[in-house]
């Protein structure tokens, strides 16, 4: 039987929501092992001068405890 844990992570990117998500997973995987899935809970963006200046994501990362 495996036991899973969920953590909430916030990330941002100047390029896209996809890149913000990938940055969060890459950073989390340096200290969290056995990541099983990611759930994008919320997406938002900052706007400057009528254009999107930053893409933001709120993620839930699920991983297996050893």
N, C-alpha and C. Protein backbone atom coordinates (compact mmCIF):
# COMPACT_ATOMS: atom_id res chain seq x y z
N UNK A 1 0.85 -1.18 0.00
CA UNK A 1 0.00 0.00 0.00
C UNK A 1 0.89 1.24 0.00
N UNK A 2 0.60 2.16 -0.87
CA UNK A 2 1.39 3.39 -0.90
C UNK A 2 0.61 4.52 -0.25
N UNK A 3 1.36 5.45 0.32
CA UNK A 3 0.78 6.63 0.94
C UNK A 3 1.22 7.84 0.12
N UNK A 4 0.26 8.65 -0.24
CA UNK A 4 0.54 9.82 -1.07
C UNK A 4 0.32 11.10 -0.28
N UNK A 5 1.05 12.14 -0.67
CA UNK A 5 0.92 13.45 -0.03
C UNK A 5 0.73 14.48 -1.13
N UNK A 6 0.00 15.54 -0.81
CA UNK A 6 -0.25 16.62 -1.76
C UNK A 6 0.29 17.92 -1.18
N UNK A 7 1.04 18.65 -2.00
CA UNK A 7 1.52 19.97 -1.60
C UNK A 7 1.02 20.99 -2.62
N UNK A 8 0.89 22.22 -2.19
CA UNK A 8 0.46 23.29 -3.06
C UNK A 8 1.66 24.16 -3.41
N UNK A 9 1.80 24.48 -4.69
CA UNK A 9 2.95 25.24 -5.17
C UNK A 9 2.46 26.35 -6.10
N UNK A 10 3.06 27.51 -6.00
CA UNK A 10 2.77 28.63 -6.89
C UNK A 10 3.98 28.87 -7.78
N UNK A 11 3.73 29.19 -9.05
CA UNK A 11 4.83 29.44 -9.98
C UNK A 11 4.39 30.47 -11.00
N UNK A 12 5.38 31.08 -11.67
CA UNK A 12 5.05 32.06 -12.70
C UNK A 12 6.05 32.00 -13.84
N UNK A 13 5.66 32.57 -14.97
CA UNK A 13 6.50 32.61 -16.16
C UNK A 13 6.11 33.83 -16.99
N UNK A 14 7.06 34.38 -17.69
CA UNK A 14 6.76 35.48 -18.60
C UNK A 14 6.33 34.95 -19.97
N UNK A 15 6.42 33.62 -20.19
CA UNK A 15 6.15 33.02 -21.50
C UNK A 15 4.76 32.39 -21.60
N UNK A 16 4.42 31.47 -20.65
CA UNK A 16 3.15 30.75 -20.75
C UNK A 16 2.80 30.06 -19.44
N UNK A 17 1.52 29.61 -19.36
CA UNK A 17 1.11 28.83 -18.20
C UNK A 17 1.82 27.47 -18.21
N UNK A 18 2.02 26.92 -19.39
CA UNK A 18 2.72 25.64 -19.51
C UNK A 18 4.14 25.74 -18.96
N UNK A 19 4.84 26.81 -19.31
CA UNK A 19 6.20 26.99 -18.79
C UNK A 19 6.19 27.20 -17.28
N UNK A 20 5.22 27.92 -16.77
CA UNK A 20 5.12 28.12 -15.32
C UNK A 20 4.92 26.79 -14.61
N UNK A 21 4.09 25.92 -15.20
CA UNK A 21 3.86 24.59 -14.62
C UNK A 21 5.13 23.76 -14.66
N UNK A 22 5.83 23.76 -15.78
CA UNK A 22 7.07 22.99 -15.92
C UNK A 22 8.14 23.49 -14.95
N UNK A 23 8.24 24.81 -14.77
CA UNK A 23 9.20 25.36 -13.82
C UNK A 23 8.91 24.88 -12.40
N UNK A 24 7.63 24.83 -12.04
CA UNK A 24 7.25 24.38 -10.70
C UNK A 24 7.63 22.91 -10.49
N UNK A 25 7.36 22.07 -11.47
CA UNK A 25 7.68 20.64 -11.35
C UNK A 25 9.19 20.43 -11.33
N UNK A 26 9.92 21.14 -12.17
CA UNK A 26 11.38 21.01 -12.19
C UNK A 26 11.99 21.40 -10.86
N UNK A 27 11.52 22.50 -10.30
CA UNK A 27 12.05 22.98 -9.02
C UNK A 27 11.66 22.02 -7.89
N UNK A 28 10.40 21.60 -7.84
CA UNK A 28 9.93 20.70 -6.78
C UNK A 28 10.64 19.36 -6.83
N UNK A 29 10.94 18.86 -8.02
CA UNK A 29 11.57 17.54 -8.15
C UNK A 29 13.00 17.51 -7.62
N UNK A 30 13.59 18.67 -7.36
CA UNK A 30 14.93 18.71 -6.78
C UNK A 30 14.91 18.31 -5.30
N UNK A 31 13.78 18.50 -4.63
CA UNK A 31 13.71 18.14 -3.21
C UNK A 31 12.60 17.15 -2.90
N UNK A 32 11.64 16.98 -3.80
CA UNK A 32 10.53 16.04 -3.60
C UNK A 32 10.71 14.87 -4.55
N UNK A 33 10.76 13.68 -3.99
CA UNK A 33 10.94 12.47 -4.81
C UNK A 33 9.59 11.80 -5.07
N UNK A 34 9.54 11.00 -6.09
CA UNK A 34 8.38 10.16 -6.43
C UNK A 34 7.14 10.98 -6.76
N UNK A 35 7.30 12.07 -7.51
CA UNK A 35 6.15 12.86 -7.94
C UNK A 35 5.31 12.01 -8.89
N UNK A 36 4.02 11.93 -8.61
CA UNK A 36 3.11 11.10 -9.40
C UNK A 36 2.25 11.92 -10.36
N UNK A 37 1.81 13.10 -9.91
CA UNK A 37 0.92 13.89 -10.77
C UNK A 37 0.92 15.35 -10.35
N UNK A 38 0.38 16.16 -11.23
CA UNK A 38 0.22 17.59 -10.94
C UNK A 38 -1.18 17.99 -11.39
N UNK A 39 -1.84 18.78 -10.58
CA UNK A 39 -3.17 19.28 -10.88
C UNK A 39 -3.09 20.80 -10.91
N UNK A 40 -3.38 21.39 -12.06
CA UNK A 40 -3.38 22.84 -12.17
C UNK A 40 -4.70 23.33 -11.60
N UNK A 41 -4.63 23.87 -10.41
CA UNK A 41 -5.83 24.28 -9.69
C UNK A 41 -6.35 25.63 -10.19
N UNK A 42 -5.43 26.52 -10.50
CA UNK A 42 -5.85 27.87 -10.88
C UNK A 42 -4.81 28.50 -11.80
N UNK A 43 -5.29 29.27 -12.76
CA UNK A 43 -4.42 30.04 -13.65
C UNK A 43 -4.81 31.50 -13.55
N UNK A 44 -3.82 32.36 -13.58
CA UNK A 44 -4.09 33.80 -13.60
C UNK A 44 -2.95 34.48 -14.35
N UNK A 45 -3.12 35.76 -14.60
CA UNK A 45 -2.09 36.50 -15.32
C UNK A 45 -2.05 37.94 -14.83
N UNK A 46 -0.86 38.51 -14.86
CA UNK A 46 -0.68 39.92 -14.58
C UNK A 46 -0.68 40.66 -15.91
N UNK A 47 -1.25 41.85 -15.91
CA UNK A 47 -1.34 42.64 -17.14
C UNK A 47 -0.62 43.96 -16.95
N UNK A 48 0.13 44.33 -17.97
CA UNK A 48 0.85 45.61 -17.95
C UNK A 48 0.74 46.22 -19.33
N UNK A 49 0.33 47.46 -19.41
CA UNK A 49 0.18 48.19 -20.68
C UNK A 49 -0.69 47.43 -21.69
N UNK A 50 -1.76 46.81 -21.19
CA UNK A 50 -2.70 46.12 -22.07
C UNK A 50 -2.25 44.77 -22.58
N UNK A 51 -1.13 44.25 -22.05
CA UNK A 51 -0.62 42.93 -22.47
C UNK A 51 -0.31 42.09 -21.24
N UNK A 52 -0.36 40.78 -21.42
CA UNK A 52 0.00 39.88 -20.32
C UNK A 52 1.50 39.97 -20.08
N UNK A 53 1.85 40.26 -18.84
CA UNK A 53 3.27 40.38 -18.49
C UNK A 53 3.79 39.18 -17.70
N UNK A 54 2.86 38.42 -17.10
CA UNK A 54 3.28 37.26 -16.31
C UNK A 54 2.13 36.27 -16.21
N UNK A 55 2.43 35.01 -16.49
CA UNK A 55 1.46 33.92 -16.35
C UNK A 55 1.70 33.26 -15.00
N UNK A 56 0.62 33.00 -14.25
CA UNK A 56 0.76 32.42 -12.91
C UNK A 56 -0.10 31.17 -12.79
N UNK A 57 0.42 30.18 -12.09
CA UNK A 57 -0.32 28.94 -11.84
C UNK A 57 -0.25 28.58 -10.36
N UNK A 58 -1.33 27.99 -9.90
CA UNK A 58 -1.42 27.43 -8.56
C UNK A 58 -1.60 25.93 -8.77
N UNK A 59 -0.62 25.14 -8.32
CA UNK A 59 -0.61 23.69 -8.59
C UNK A 59 -0.75 22.87 -7.32
N UNK A 60 -1.29 21.67 -7.48
CA UNK A 60 -1.23 20.68 -6.42
C UNK A 60 -0.39 19.53 -6.97
N UNK A 61 0.69 19.23 -6.26
CA UNK A 61 1.61 18.17 -6.67
C UNK A 61 1.42 16.98 -5.74
N UNK A 62 1.20 15.82 -6.32
CA UNK A 62 1.02 14.59 -5.55
C UNK A 62 2.27 13.73 -5.67
N UNK A 63 2.75 13.25 -4.51
CA UNK A 63 3.93 12.38 -4.53
C UNK A 63 3.78 11.28 -3.49
N UNK A 64 4.53 10.21 -3.72
CA UNK A 64 4.48 9.04 -2.84
C UNK A 64 5.50 9.18 -1.73
N UNK A 65 5.07 8.91 -0.51
CA UNK A 65 5.98 8.94 0.63
C UNK A 65 6.76 7.64 0.70
N UNK A 66 8.01 7.74 1.10
CA UNK A 66 8.85 6.53 1.21
C UNK A 66 8.54 5.79 2.49
